[in-house]
Amino acid sequence: MASTAPLTGSELIDCARANSPKGIKIAASRCGYGEDIAAFEAALHQAGEHLGIEINRFEDLIHSASDRQETGIDVAPDSPSDL
């Protein structure tokens, strides 16, 4: 769902990360920036500075989101009877 007002701070970063797989145009629109990609990226940079996160451009969110998903281990029984 698209925001009616431009998001800022952690809400902007969360929205942008959640929509990063769909691309910058959709993420900007859903975060309340419409087609103003430059304002969207500037707001992301500012939000990152405020929260102590380095965000130079939208692509930084894509890489950080995919890096987080690849970490960790799968824990499961060897077979259904071992449950």
Protein backbone atom coordinates (compact mmCIF):
# COMPACT_ATOMS: atom_id res chain seq x y z
CA MET A 1 0.00 0.00 0.00
CA ALA A 2 1.40 3.38 -0.98
CA SER A 3 1.88 6.08 1.59
CA THR A 4 -0.07 9.31 1.02
CA ALA A 5 2.69 11.45 2.58
CA PRO A 6 6.42 10.93 2.07
CA LEU A 7 7.83 8.67 4.76
CA THR A 8 10.94 9.62 6.73
CA GLY A 9 13.35 8.04 9.19
CA SER A 10 13.13 4.36 10.04
CA GLU A 11 9.68 4.08 8.43
CA LEU A 12 11.18 5.17 5.10
CA ILE A 13 14.05 2.70 5.38
CA ASP A 14 11.70 -0.15 6.33
CA CYS A 15 9.36 0.65 3.44
CA ALA A 16 12.23 0.96 0.95
CA ARG A 17 13.79 -2.34 2.08
CA ALA A 18 10.45 -4.13 1.88
CA ASN A 19 9.90 -2.88 -1.66
CA SER A 20 13.52 -3.07 -2.87
CA PRO A 21 13.00 -6.30 -4.88
CA LYS A 22 10.34 -4.50 -6.95
CA GLY A 23 12.72 -1.72 -8.03
CA ILE A 24 13.31 1.91 -7.22
CA LYS A 25 10.28 3.33 -9.06
CA ILE A 26 7.79 1.17 -7.17
CA ALA A 27 9.64 1.65 -3.86
CA ALA A 28 9.63 5.45 -4.27
CA SER A 29 5.93 5.43 -5.09
CA ARG A 30 4.98 3.18 -2.19
CA CYS A 31 7.07 5.24 0.22
CA GLY A 32 5.17 8.40 -0.74
CA TYR A 33 7.60 10.01 -3.20
CA GLY A 34 5.68 9.29 -6.40
CA GLU A 35 8.01 9.58 -9.38
CA ASP A 36 10.52 11.88 -7.64
CA ILE A 37 13.40 9.39 -7.48
CA ALA A 38 15.97 12.06 -6.57
CA ALA A 39 13.97 13.20 -3.52
CA PHE A 40 13.44 9.56 -2.53
CA GLU A 41 17.15 8.78 -2.62
CA ALA A 42 18.01 12.04 -0.82
CA ALA A 43 15.50 11.20 1.93
CA LEU A 44 16.96 7.67 2.22
CA HIS A 45 20.45 9.12 2.63
CA GLN A 46 19.23 11.59 5.25
CA ALA A 47 17.32 8.88 7.14
CA GLY A 48 20.39 6.68 7.11
CA GLU A 49 22.58 9.47 8.49
CA HIS A 50 20.07 10.12 11.26
CA LEU A 51 20.01 6.43 12.24
CA GLY A 52 23.75 5.82 11.79
CA ILE A 53 23.30 3.63 8.70
CA GLU A 54 25.31 4.30 5.55
CA ILE A 55 22.90 4.57 2.61
CA ASN A 56 24.41 6.28 -0.42
CA ARG A 57 21.84 5.08 -2.95
CA PHE A 58 18.82 2.78 -3.20
CA GLU A 59 20.93 -0.19 -4.34
CA ASP A 60 22.61 -0.24 -0.91
CA LEU A 61 19.30 -1.43 0.55
CA ILE A 62 18.98 -4.22 -1.99
CA HIS A 63 22.42 -5.61 -1.13
CA SER A 64 21.93 -5.29 2.61
CA ALA A 65 18.53 -7.02 2.46
CA SER A 66 19.84 -9.96 0.43
CA ASP A 67 22.93 -10.30 2.66
CA ARG A 68 20.77 -10.65 5.75
CA GLN A 69 18.60 -13.34 4.21
CA GLU A 70 21.56 -15.56 3.35
CA THR A 71 22.96 -15.74 6.88
CA GLY A 72 21.95 -18.37 9.39
CA ILE A 73 21.48 -22.12 9.37
CA ASP A 74 18.55 -24.45 8.81
CA VAL A 75 17.60 -26.57 11.78
CA ALA A 76 15.41 -29.57 11.03
CA PRO A 77 15.15 -33.25 11.98
CA ASP A 78 16.77 -35.83 9.73
CA SER A 79 13.39 -37.41 8.99
CA PRO A 80 9.71 -36.85 9.88
CA SER A 81 9.88 -39.73 12.39
CA ASP A 82 12.58 -37.82 14.34
CA LEU A 83 10.12 -35.06 15.20
